[in-house]
């Protein structure tokens, strides 16, 4: 039970800091464990690596923002930690199966 509580603390920390630069060390600290043990525990319990989870959460929030606002793709890409629109588009398509420009083509 303690393991689940610590995992939840780490996930809460990630959710509160998705717009900031956070590392695995920071997240492991929120779970009060070492980076090595946290990565193993996280993957065993979720099926994702810590970095995959953070990336997928950020891309999900980016998709919600793209669908619900008129924000520019470049601005949203930068907001979620991508340095170029190309790297954002590639990651976005890998996770969501469409490019981030799909919403522009719908209207």
PDB file of N, CA and C in Angstrom:
ATOM      1  N   UNK A   1       0.806  -1.201   0.000  1.00  0.00           N
ATOM      2  CA  UNK A   1       0.000   0.000   0.000  1.00  0.00           C
ATOM      3  C   UNK A   1       0.846   1.260   0.000  1.00  0.00           C
ATOM      4  N   UNK A   2       1.950   1.224   0.728  1.00  0.00           N
ATOM      5  CA  UNK A   2       2.847   2.371   0.783  1.00  0.00           C
ATOM      6  C   UNK A   2       3.399   2.687  -0.606  1.00  0.00           C
ATOM      7  N   UNK A   3       3.691   1.670  -1.387  1.00  0.00           N
ATOM      8  CA  UNK A   3       4.223   1.872  -2.732  1.00  0.00           C
ATOM      9  C   UNK A   3       3.226   2.640  -3.595  1.00  0.00           C
ATOM     10  N   UNK A   4       1.971   2.283  -3.502  1.00  0.00           N
ATOM     11  CA  UNK A   4       0.931   2.964  -4.284  1.00  0.00           C
ATOM     12  C   UNK A   4       0.798   4.418  -3.834  1.00  0.00           C
ATOM     13  N   UNK A   5       0.862   4.657  -2.546  1.00  0.00           N
ATOM     14  CA  UNK A   5       0.767   6.026  -2.030  1.00  0.00           C
ATOM     15  C   UNK A   5       1.935   6.876  -2.537  1.00  0.00           C
ATOM     16  N   UNK A   6       3.130   6.309  -2.535  1.00  0.00           N
ATOM     17  CA  UNK A   6       4.303   7.037  -3.026  1.00  0.00           C
ATOM     18  C   UNK A   6       4.216   7.283  -4.528  1.00  0.00           C
ATOM     19  N   UNK A   7       3.707   6.304  -5.257  1.00  0.00           N
ATOM     20  CA  UNK A   7       3.508   6.483  -6.698  1.00  0.00           C
ATOM     21  C   UNK A   7       2.511   7.613  -6.946  1.00  0.00           C
ATOM     22  N   UNK A   8       1.443   7.656  -6.169  1.00  0.00           N
ATOM     23  CA  UNK A   8       0.447   8.719  -6.325  1.00  0.00           C
ATOM     24  C   UNK A   8       1.054  10.088  -6.018  1.00  0.00           C
ATOM     25  N   UNK A   9       1.917  10.158  -5.010  1.00  0.00           N
ATOM     26  CA  UNK A   9       2.608  11.417  -4.705  1.00  0.00           C
ATOM     27  C   UNK A   9       3.437  11.865  -5.898  1.00  0.00           C
ATOM     28  N   UNK A  10       4.122  10.925  -6.524  1.00  0.00           N
ATOM     29  CA  UNK A  10       4.955  11.248  -7.680  1.00  0.00           C
ATOM     30  C   UNK A  10       4.093  11.717  -8.853  1.00  0.00           C
ATOM     31  N   UNK A  11       2.988  11.049  -9.101  1.00  0.00           N
ATOM     32  CA  UNK A  11       2.094  11.447 -10.192  1.00  0.00           C
ATOM     33  C   UNK A  11       1.499  12.820  -9.914  1.00  0.00           C
ATOM     34  N   UNK A  12       1.127  13.079  -8.671  1.00  0.00           N
ATOM     35  CA  UNK A  12       0.620  14.405  -8.309  1.00  0.00           C
ATOM     36  C   UNK A  12       1.673  15.477  -8.569  1.00  0.00           C
ATOM     37  N   UNK A  13       2.913  15.167  -8.240  1.00  0.00           N
ATOM     38  CA  UNK A  13       4.012  16.100  -8.480  1.00  0.00           C
ATOM     39  C   UNK A  13       4.152  16.374  -9.978  1.00  0.00           C
ATOM     40  N   UNK A  14       4.096  15.336 -10.781  1.00  0.00           N
ATOM     41  CA  UNK A  14       4.194  15.504 -12.237  1.00  0.00           C
ATOM     42  C   UNK A  14       3.057  16.394 -12.732  1.00  0.00           C
ATOM     43  N   UNK A  15       1.847  16.099 -12.310  1.00  0.00           N
ATOM     44  CA  UNK A  15       0.689  16.874 -12.772  1.00  0.00           C
ATOM     45  C   UNK A  15       0.805  18.350 -12.408  1.00  0.00           C
ATOM     46  N   UNK A  16       1.349  18.636 -11.236  1.00  0.00           N
ATOM     47  CA  UNK A  16       1.487  20.023 -10.794  1.00  0.00           C
ATOM     48  C   UNK A  16       2.628  20.746 -11.488  1.00  0.00           C
ATOM     49  N   UNK A  17       3.537  20.011 -12.118  1.00  0.00           N
ATOM     50  CA  UNK A  17       4.734  20.621 -12.702  1.00  0.00           C
ATOM     51  C   UNK A  17       4.905  20.331 -14.185  1.00  0.00           C
ATOM     52  N   UNK A  18       3.839  19.974 -14.883  1.00  0.00           N
ATOM     53  CA  UNK A  18       3.951  19.628 -16.295  1.00  0.00           C
ATOM     54  C   UNK A  18       4.458  20.775 -17.165  1.00  0.00           C
ATOM     55  N   UNK A  19       4.243  22.009 -16.735  1.00  0.00           N
ATOM     56  CA  UNK A  19       4.685  23.148 -17.539  1.00  0.00           C
ATOM     57  C   UNK A  19       6.114  23.569 -17.208  1.00  0.00           C
ATOM     58  N   UNK A  20       6.732  22.874 -16.268  1.00  0.00           N
ATOM     59  CA  UNK A  20       8.100  23.191 -15.857  1.00  0.00           C
ATOM     60  C   UNK A  20       9.049  22.103 -16.342  1.00  0.00           C
ATOM     61  N   UNK A  21      10.324  22.420 -16.313  1.00  0.00           N
ATOM     62  CA  UNK A  21      11.343  21.408 -16.618  1.00  0.00           C
ATOM     63  C   UNK A  21      11.506  20.538 -15.374  1.00  0.00           C
ATOM     64  N   UNK A  22      11.102  19.285 -15.484  1.00  0.00           N
ATOM     65  CA  UNK A  22      11.245  18.372 -14.355  1.00  0.00           C
ATOM     66  C   UNK A  22      12.023  17.146 -14.808  1.00  0.00           C
ATOM     67  N   UNK A  23      12.828  16.634 -13.916  1.00  0.00           N
ATOM     68  CA  UNK A  23      13.620  15.455 -14.224  1.00  0.00           C
ATOM     69  C   UNK A  23      13.162  14.271 -13.391  1.00  0.00           C
ATOM     70  N   UNK A  24      13.645  13.117 -13.761  1.00  0.00           N
ATOM     71  CA  UNK A  24      13.304  11.892 -13.036  1.00  0.00           C
ATOM     72  C   UNK A  24      13.733  12.015 -11.575  1.00  0.00           C
ATOM     73  N   UNK A  25      14.875  12.689 -11.334  1.00  0.00           N
ATOM     74  CA  UNK A  25      15.344  12.864  -9.959  1.00  0.00           C
ATOM     75  C   UNK A  25      14.323  13.632  -9.125  1.00  0.00           C
ATOM     76  N   UNK A  26      13.736  14.669  -9.713  1.00  0.00           N
ATOM     77  CA  UNK A  26      12.730  15.466  -9.015  1.00  0.00           C
ATOM     78  C   UNK A  26      11.501  14.625  -8.677  1.00  0.00           C
ATOM     79  N   UNK A  27      11.072  13.837  -9.642  1.00  0.00           N
ATOM     80  CA  UNK A  27       9.877  13.013  -9.460  1.00  0.00           C
ATOM     81  C   UNK A  27      10.142  11.923  -8.420  1.00  0.00           C
ATOM     82  N   UNK A  28      11.313  11.307  -8.500  1.00  0.00           N
ATOM     83  CA  UNK A  28      11.685  10.284  -7.520  1.00  0.00           C
ATOM     84  C   UNK A  28      11.742  10.884  -6.121  1.00  0.00           C
ATOM     85  N   UNK A  29      12.211  12.108  -6.024  1.00  0.00           N
ATOM     86  CA  UNK A  29      12.246  12.798  -4.733  1.00  0.00           C
ATOM     87  C   UNK A  29      10.854  12.980  -4.146  1.00  0.00           C
ATOM     88  N   UNK A  30       9.884  13.251  -5.009  1.00  0.00           N
ATOM     89  CA  UNK A  30       8.504  13.391  -4.543  1.00  0.00           C
ATOM     90  C   UNK A  30       7.976  12.076  -3.987  1.00  0.00           C
ATOM     91  N   UNK A  31       8.522  10.969  -4.482  1.00  0.00           N
ATOM     92  CA  UNK A  31       8.136   9.642  -3.996  1.00  0.00           C
ATOM     93  C   UNK A  31       9.057   9.163  -2.879  1.00  0.00           C
ATOM     94  N   UNK A  32       9.984  10.025  -2.493  1.00  0.00           N
ATOM     95  CA  UNK A  32      10.920   9.728  -1.406  1.00  0.00           C
ATOM     96  C   UNK A  32      11.702   8.435  -1.625  1.00  0.00           C
ATOM     97  N   UNK A  33      12.205   8.291  -2.842  1.00  0.00           N
ATOM     98  CA  UNK A  33      13.004   7.110  -3.178  1.00  0.00           C
ATOM     99  C   UNK A  33      14.115   7.500  -4.140  1.00  0.00           C
ATOM    100  N   UNK A  34      15.033   6.592  -4.369  1.00  0.00           N
ATOM    101  CA  UNK A  34      16.120   6.881  -5.298  1.00  0.00           C
ATOM    102  C   UNK A  34      15.600   6.841  -6.726  1.00  0.00           C
ATOM    103  N   UNK A  35      16.316   7.511  -7.613  1.00  0.00           N
ATOM    104  CA  UNK A  35      15.959   7.532  -9.035  1.00  0.00           C
ATOM    105  C   UNK A  35      15.885   6.111  -9.586  1.00  0.00           C
ATOM    106  N   UNK A  36      16.898   5.300  -9.256  1.00  0.00           N
ATOM    107  CA  UNK A  36      16.956   3.931  -9.763  1.00  0.00           C
ATOM    108  C   UNK A  36      15.732   3.118  -9.333  1.00  0.00           C
ATOM    109  N   UNK A  37      15.434   3.114  -8.053  1.00  0.00           N
ATOM    110  CA  UNK A  37      14.305   2.325  -7.561  1.00  0.00           C
ATOM    111  C   UNK A  37      12.963   2.879  -8.048  1.00  0.00           C
ATOM    112  N   UNK A  38      12.890   4.201  -8.133  1.00  0.00           N
ATOM    113  CA  UNK A  38      11.639   4.788  -8.601  1.00  0.00           C
ATOM    114  C   UNK A  38      11.359   4.408 -10.049  1.00  0.00           C
ATOM    115  N   UNK A  39      12.374   4.487 -10.900  1.00  0.00           N
ATOM    116  CA  UNK A  39      12.166   4.139 -12.306  1.00  0.00           C
ATOM    117  C   UNK A  39      11.700   2.692 -12.441  1.00  0.00           C
ATOM    118  N   UNK A  40      12.297   1.800 -11.698  1.00  0.00           N
ATOM    119  CA  UNK A  40      11.894   0.388 -11.753  1.00  0.00           C
ATOM    120  C   UNK A  40      10.474   0.205 -11.251  1.00  0.00           C
ATOM    121  N   UNK A  41      10.136   0.820 -10.124  1.00  0.00           N
ATOM    122  CA  UNK A  41       8.806   0.714  -9.547  1.00  0.00           C
ATOM    123  C   UNK A  41       7.760   1.307 -10.499  1.00  0.00           C
ATOM    124  N   UNK A  42       8.047   2.495 -11.017  1.00  0.00           N
ATOM    125  CA  UNK A  42       7.101   3.174 -11.892  1.00  0.00           C
ATOM    126  C   UNK A  42       6.798   2.322 -13.117  1.00  0.00           C
ATOM    127  N   UNK A  43       7.832   1.806 -13.752  1.00  0.00           N
ATOM    128  CA  UNK A  43       7.641   0.994 -14.950  1.00  0.00           C
ATOM    129  C   UNK A  43       6.891  -0.293 -14.635  1.00  0.00           C
ATOM    130  N   UNK A  44       7.217  -0.914 -13.532  1.00  0.00           N
ATOM    131  CA  UNK A  44       6.538  -2.166 -13.162  1.00  0.00           C
ATOM    132  C   UNK A  44       5.058  -1.940 -12.899  1.00  0.00           C
ATOM    133  N   UNK A  45       4.706  -0.815 -12.304  1.00  0.00           N
ATOM    134  CA  UNK A  45       3.312  -0.559 -11.946  1.00  0.00           C
ATOM    135  C   UNK A  45       2.491   0.069 -13.063  1.00  0.00           C
ATOM    136  N   UNK A  46       3.133   0.816 -13.954  1.00  0.00           N
ATOM    137  CA  UNK A  46       2.373   1.521 -14.986  1.00  0.00           C
ATOM    138  C   UNK A  46       2.571   0.984 -16.398  1.00  0.00           C
ATOM    139  N   UNK A  47       3.696   0.328 -16.631  1.00  0.00           N
ATOM    140  CA  UNK A  47       4.001  -0.122 -17.986  1.00  0.00           C
ATOM    141  C   UNK A  47       4.657   0.945 -18.840  1.00  0.00           C
ATOM    142  N   UNK A  48       4.878   2.126 -18.272  1.00  0.00           N
ATOM    143  CA  UNK A  48       5.535   3.235 -18.959  1.00  0.00           C
ATOM    144  C   UNK A  48       6.818   3.584 -18.222  1.00  0.00           C
ATOM    145  N   UNK A  49       7.786   4.106 -18.965  1.00  0.00           N
ATOM    146  CA  UNK A  49       8.916   4.717 -18.276  1.00  0.00           C
ATOM    147  C   UNK A  49       8.442   6.070 -17.757  1.00  0.00           C
ATOM    148  N   UNK A  50       9.184   6.633 -16.836  1.00  0.00           N
ATOM    149  CA  UNK A  50       8.813   7.933 -16.280  1.00  0.00           C
ATOM    150  C   UNK A  50       8.809   8.991 -17.382  1.00  0.00           C
ATOM    151  N   UNK A  51       9.819   8.991 -18.219  1.00  0.00           N
ATOM    152  CA  UNK A  51       9.883   9.993 -19.282  1.00  0.00           C
ATOM    153  C   UNK A  51       8.765   9.821 -20.301  1.00  0.00           C
ATOM    154  N   UNK A  52       8.391   8.574 -20.606  1.00  0.00           N
ATOM    155  CA  UNK A  52       7.253   8.348 -21.511  1.00  0.00           C
ATOM    156  C   UNK A  52       5.972   8.917 -20.911  1.00  0.00           C
ATOM    157  N   UNK A  53       5.784   8.683 -19.640  1.00  0.00           N
ATOM    158  CA  UNK A  53       4.575   9.175 -18.972  1.00  0.00           C
ATOM    159  C   UNK A  53       4.508  10.705 -19.037  1.00  0.00           C
ATOM    160  N   UNK A  54       5.601  11.364 -18.680  1.00  0.00           N
ATOM    161  CA  UNK A  54       5.623  12.827 -18.696  1.00  0.00           C
ATOM    162  C   UNK A  54       5.391  13.342 -20.115  1.00  0.00           C
ATOM    163  N   UNK A  55       6.072  12.767 -21.083  1.00  0.00           N
ATOM    164  CA  UNK A  55       5.903  13.190 -22.480  1.00  0.00           C
ATOM    165  C   UNK A  55       4.456  12.992 -22.942  1.00  0.00           C
ATOM    166  N   UNK A  56       3.869  11.837 -22.637  1.00  0.00           N
ATOM    167  CA  UNK A  56       2.492  11.564 -23.056  1.00  0.00           C
ATOM    168  C   UNK A  56       1.500  12.508 -22.393  1.00  0.00           C
ATOM    169  N   UNK A  57       1.714  12.830 -21.120  1.00  0.00           N
ATOM    170  CA  UNK A  57       0.825  13.771 -20.442  1.00  0.00           C
ATOM    171  C   UNK A  57       0.910  15.148 -21.075  1.00  0.00           C
ATOM    172  N   UNK A  58       2.131  15.585 -21.370  1.00  0.00           N
ATOM    173  CA  UNK A  58       2.294  16.895 -21.997  1.00  0.00           C
ATOM    174  C   UNK A  58       1.650  16.932 -23.377  1.00  0.00           C
ATOM    175  N   UNK A  59       1.803  15.865 -24.138  1.00  0.00           N
ATOM    176  CA  UNK A  59       1.204  15.821 -25.474  1.00  0.00           C
ATOM    177  C   UNK A  59      -0.316  15.746 -25.405  1.00  0.00           C
ATOM    178  N   UNK A  60      -0.840  15.125 -24.386  1.00  0.00           N
ATOM    179  CA  UNK A  60      -2.294  15.083 -24.206  1.00  0.00           C
ATOM    180  C   UNK A  60      -2.824  16.476 -23.883  1.00  0.00           C
ATOM    181  N   UNK A  61      -2.150  17.185 -22.991  1.00  0.00           N
ATOM    182  CA  UNK A  61      -2.555  18.558 -22.685  1.00  0.00           C
ATOM    183  C   UNK A  61      -2.422  19.454 -23.909  1.00  0.00           C
ATOM    184  N   UNK A  62      -1.370  19.243 -24.689  1.00  0.00           N
ATOM    185  CA  UNK A  62      -1.189  20.026 -25.913  1.00  0.00           C
ATOM    186  C   UNK A  62      -2.335  19.758 -26.887  1.00  0.00           C
ATOM    187  N   UNK A  63      -2.743  18.504 -27.020  1.00  0.00           N
ATOM    188  CA  UNK A  63      -3.859  18.164 -27.918  1.00  0.00           C
ATOM    189  C   UNK A  63      -5.150  18.830 -27.450  1.00  0.00           C
ATOM    190  N   UNK A  64      -5.388  18.822 -26.146  1.00  0.00           N
ATOM    191  CA  UNK A  64      -6.586  19.479 -25.616  1.00  0.00           C
ATOM    192  C   UNK A  64      -6.556  20.975 -25.915  1.00  0.00           C
ATOM    193  N   UNK A  65      -5.381  21.572 -25.767  1.00  0.00           N
ATOM    194  CA  UNK A  65      -5.253  22.998 -26.029  1.00  0.00           C
ATOM    195  C   UNK A  65      -5.414  23.309 -27.511  1.00  0.00           C
ATOM    196  N   UNK A  66      -4.849  22.480 -28.362  1.00  0.00           N
ATOM    197  CA  UNK A  66      -5.000  22.689 -29.803  1.00  0.00           C
ATOM    198  C   UNK A  66      -6.458  22.570 -30.230  1.00  0.00           C
ATOM    199  N   UNK A  67      -7.159  21.609 -29.661  1.00  0.00           N
ATOM    200  CA  UNK A  67      -8.553  21.400 -30.034  1.00  0.00           C
ATOM    201  C   UNK A  67      -9.477  22.460 -29.451  1.00  0.00           C
ATOM    202  N   UNK A  68      -9.108  23.023 -28.305  1.00  0.00           N
ATOM    203  CA  UNK A  68     -10.018  23.930 -27.617  1.00  0.00           C
ATOM    204  C   UNK A  68      -9.697  25.406 -27.719  1.00  0.00           C
ATOM    205  N   UNK A  69      -8.609  25.748 -28.378  1.00  0.00           N
ATOM    206  CA  UNK A  69      -8.238  27.158 -28.502  1.00  0.00           C
ATOM    207  C   UNK A  69      -7.806  27.462 -29.928  1.00  0.00           C
ATOM    208  N   UNK A  70      -7.523  28.716 -30.159  1.00  0.00           N
ATOM    209  CA  UNK A  70      -6.989  29.137 -31.452  1.00  0.00           C
ATOM    210  C   UNK A  70      -5.483  29.365 -31.367  1.00  0.00           C
ATOM    211  N   UNK A  71      -4.847  28.790 -30.347  1.00  0.00           N
ATOM    212  CA  UNK A  71      -3.404  28.967 -30.159  1.00  0.00           C
ATOM    213  C   UNK A  71      -2.615  28.449 -31.344  1.00  0.00           C
ATOM    214  N   UNK A  72      -1.484  29.081 -31.587  1.00  0.00           N
ATOM    215  CA  UNK A  72      -0.610  28.656 -32.670  1.00  0.00           C
ATOM    216  C   UNK A  72       0.141  27.398 -32.251  1.00  0.00           C
ATOM    217  N   UNK A  73       0.368  26.517 -33.205  1.00  0.00           N
ATOM    218  CA  UNK A  73       1.068  25.264 -32.944  1.00  0.00           C
ATOM    219  C   UNK A  73       2.442  25.545 -32.354  1.00  0.00           C
ATOM    220  N   UNK A  74       3.164  26.502 -32.880  1.00  0.00           N
ATOM    221  CA  UNK A  74       4.510  26.800 -32.387  1.00  0.00           C
ATOM    222  C   UNK A  74       4.468  27.240 -30.927  1.00  0.00           C
ATOM    223  N   UNK A  75       3.493  28.059 -30.574  1.00  0.00           N
ATOM    224  CA  UNK A  75       3.384  28.530 -29.192  1.00  0.00           C
ATOM    225  C   UNK A  75       3.072  27.389 -28.236  1.00  0.00           C
ATOM    226  N   UNK A  76       2.200  26.510 -28.658  1.00  0.00           N
ATOM    227  CA  UNK A  76       1.841  25.359 -27.823  1.00  0.00           C
ATOM    228  C   UNK A  76       3.017  24.394 -27.729  1.00  0.00           C
ATOM    229  N   UNK A  77       3.731  24.210 -28.819  1.00  0.00           N
ATOM    230  CA  UNK A  77       4.918  23.350 -28.799  1.00  0.00           C
ATOM    231  C   UNK A  77       5.935  23.867 -27.793  1.00  0.00           C
ATOM    232  N   UNK A  78       6.204  25.155 -27.826  1.00  0.00           N
ATOM    233  CA  UNK A  78       7.156  25.751 -26.890  1.00  0.00           C
ATOM    234  C   UNK A  78       6.668  25.651 -25.452  1.00  0.00           C
ATOM    235  N   UNK A  79       5.383  25.856 -25.257  1.00  0.00           N
ATOM    236  CA  UNK A  79       4.793  25.785 -23.910  1.00  0.00           C
ATOM    237  C   UNK A  79       5.012  24.414 -23.280  1.00  0.00           C
ATOM    238  N   UNK A  80       4.969  23.367 -24.097  1.00  0.00           N
ATOM    239  CA  UNK A  80       5.095  22.010 -23.576  1.00  0.00           C
ATOM    240  C   UNK A  80       6.499  21.433 -23.744  1.00  0.00           C
ATOM    241  N   UNK A  81       7.475  22.317 -23.948  1.00  0.00           N
ATOM    242  CA  UNK A  81       8.864  21.908 -23.865  1.00  0.00           C
ATOM    243  C   UNK A  81       9.539  21.468 -25.146  1.00  0.00           C
ATOM    244  N   UNK A  82       8.923  21.699 -26.282  1.00  0.00           N
ATOM    245  CA  UNK A  82       9.538  21.324 -27.555  1.00  0.00           C
ATOM    246  C   UNK A  82      10.226  22.541 -28.150  1.00  0.00           C
ATOM    247  N   UNK A  83      11.433  22.331 -28.637  1.00  0.00           N
ATOM    248  CA  UNK A  83      12.227  23.441 -29.149  1.00  0.00           C
ATOM    249  C   UNK A  83      11.887  23.811 -30.580  1.00  0.00           C
ATOM    250  N   UNK A  84      11.356  22.844 -31.337  1.00  0.00           N
ATOM    251  CA  UNK A  84      10.998  23.130 -32.729  1.00  0.00           C
ATOM    252  C   UNK A  84       9.611  22.569 -33.025  1.00  0.00           C
ATOM    253  N   UNK A  85       8.910  23.181 -33.970  1.00  0.00           N
ATOM    254  CA  UNK A  85       7.611  22.637 -34.363  1.00  0.00           C
ATOM    255  C   UNK A  85       7.743  21.239 -34.960  1.00  0.00           C
ATOM    256  N   UNK A  86       8.882  20.974 -35.608  1.00  0.00           N
ATOM    257  CA  UNK A  86       9.086  19.660 -36.225  1.00  0.00           C
ATOM    258  C   UNK A  86       9.177  18.552 -35.169  1.00  0.00           C
ATOM    259  N   UNK A  87       9.930  18.808 -34.105  1.00  0.00           N
ATOM    260  CA  UNK A  87      10.046  17.786 -33.058  1.00  0.00           C
ATOM    261  C   UNK A  87       8.705  17.586 -32.359  1.00  0.00           C
ATOM    262  N   UNK A  88       7.963  18.667 -32.178  1.00  0.00           N
ATOM    263  CA  UNK A  88       6.632  18.573 -31.577  1.00  0.00           C
ATOM    264  C   UNK A  88       5.698  17.770 -32.480  1.00  0.00           C
ATOM    265  N   UNK A  89       5.696  18.073 -33.767  1.00  0.00           N
ATOM    266  CA  UNK A  89       4.810  17.385 -34.708  1.00  0.00           C
ATOM    267  C   UNK A  89       5.121  15.889 -34.765  1.00  0.00           C
ATOM    268  N   UNK A  90       6.388  15.548 -34.756  1.00  0.00           N
ATOM    269  CA  UNK A  90       6.782  14.138 -34.802  1.00  0.00           C
ATOM    270  C   UNK A  90       6.317  13.399 -33.549  1.00  0.00           C
ATOM    271  N   UNK A  91       6.557  13.980 -32.380  1.00  0.00           N
ATOM    272  CA  UNK A  91       6.122  13.354 -31.126  1.00  0.00           C
ATOM    273  C   UNK A  91       4.597  13.297 -31.050  1.00  0.00           C
ATOM    274  N   UNK A  92       3.941  14.368 -31.466  1.00  0.00           N
ATOM    275  CA  UNK A  92       2.481  14.442 -31.434  1.00  0.00           C
ATOM    276  C   UNK A  92       1.872  13.353 -32.308  1.00  0.00           C
ATOM    277  N   UNK A  93       2.401  13.195 -33.498  1.00  0.00           N
ATOM    278  CA  UNK A  93       1.865  12.190 -34.417  1.00  0.00           C
ATOM    279  C   UNK A  93       2.111  10.778 -33.894  1.00  0.00           C
ATOM    280  N   UNK A  94       3.258  10.555 -33.271  1.00  0.00           N
ATOM    281  CA  UNK A  94       3.573   9.241 -32.721  1.00  0.00           C
ATOM    282  C   UNK A  94       2.571   8.861 -31.623  1.00  0.00           C
ATOM    283  N   UNK A  95       2.168   9.829 -30.818  1.00  0.00           N
ATOM    284  CA  UNK A  95       1.255   9.550 -29.710  1.00  0.00           C
ATOM    285  C   UNK A  95      -0.205   9.563 -30.151  1.00  0.00           C
ATOM    286  N   UNK A  96      -0.587  10.548 -30.962  1.00  0.00           N
ATOM    287  CA  UNK A  96      -2.003  10.741 -31.295  1.00  0.00           C
ATOM    288  C   UNK A  96      -2.416  10.237 -32.674  1.00  0.00           C
ATOM    289  N   UNK A  97      -1.459   9.900 -33.518  1.00  0.00           N
ATOM    290  CA  UNK A  97      -1.784   9.353 -34.829  1.00  0.00           C
ATOM    291  C   UNK A  97      -2.139  10.379 -35.883  1.00  0.00           C
ATOM    292  N   UNK A  98      -2.127  11.655 -35.514  1.00  0.00           N
ATOM    293  CA  UNK A  98      -2.384  12.750 -36.460  1.00  0.00           C
ATOM    294  C   UNK A  98      -1.376  13.857 -36.178  1.00  0.00           C
ATOM    295  N   UNK A  99      -1.194  14.727 -37.153  1.00  0.00           N
ATOM    296  CA  UNK A  99      -0.305  15.861 -36.923  1.00  0.00           C
ATOM    297  C   UNK A  99      -1.043  16.925 -36.124  1.00  0.00           C
ATOM    298  N   UNK A 100      -0.335  17.831 -35.473  1.00  0.00           N
ATOM    299  CA  UNK A 100      -1.013  18.875 -34.705  1.00  0.00           C
ATOM    300  C   UNK A 100      -1.729  19.894 -35.578  1.00  0.00           C
ATOM    301  N   UNK A 101      -1.573  19.794 -36.871  1.00  0.00           N
ATOM    302  CA  UNK A 101      -2.202  20.746 -37.776  1.00  0.00           C
ATOM    303  C   UNK A 101      -3.588  20.267 -38.216  1.00  0.00           C
ATOM    304  N   UNK A 102      -3.972  19.059 -37.832  1.00  0.00           N
ATOM    305  CA  UNK A 102      -5.254  18.482 -38.242  1.00  0.00           C
ATOM    306  C   UNK A 102      -6.440  19.392 -37.971  1.00  0.00           C
ATOM    307  N   UNK A 103      -6.421  20.111 -36.877  1.00  0.00           N
ATOM    308  CA  UNK A 103      -7.576  20.949 -36.525  1.00  0.00           C
ATOM    309  C   UNK A 103      -7.759  22.097 -37.497  1.00  0.00           C
ATOM    310  N   UNK A 104      -6.663  22.580 -38.059  1.00  0.00           N
ATOM    311  CA  UNK A 104      -6.739  23.674 -39.037  1.00  0.00           C
ATOM    312  C   UNK A 104      -7.427  23.200 -40.309  1.00  0.00           C
ATOM    313  N   UNK A 105      -7.234  21.919 -40.644  1.00  0.00           N
ATOM    314  CA  UNK A 105      -7.795  21.388 -41.880  1.00  0.00           C
ATOM    315  C   UNK A 105      -9.284  21.057 -41.735  1.00  0.00           C
ATOM    316  N   UNK A 106      -9.761  20.906 -40.500  1.00  0.00           N
ATOM    317  CA  UNK A 106     -11.163  20.553 -40.280  1.00  0.00           C
ATOM    318  C   UNK A 106     -12.089  21.712 -40.563  1.00  0.00           C
ATOM    319  N   UNK A 107     -11.631  22.914 -40.316  1.00  0.00           N
ATOM    320  CA  UNK A 107     -12.530  24.068 -40.402  1.00  0.00           C
ATOM    321  C   UNK A 107     -12.546  24.713 -41.754  1.00  0.00           C
TER     322      UNK A 107
END
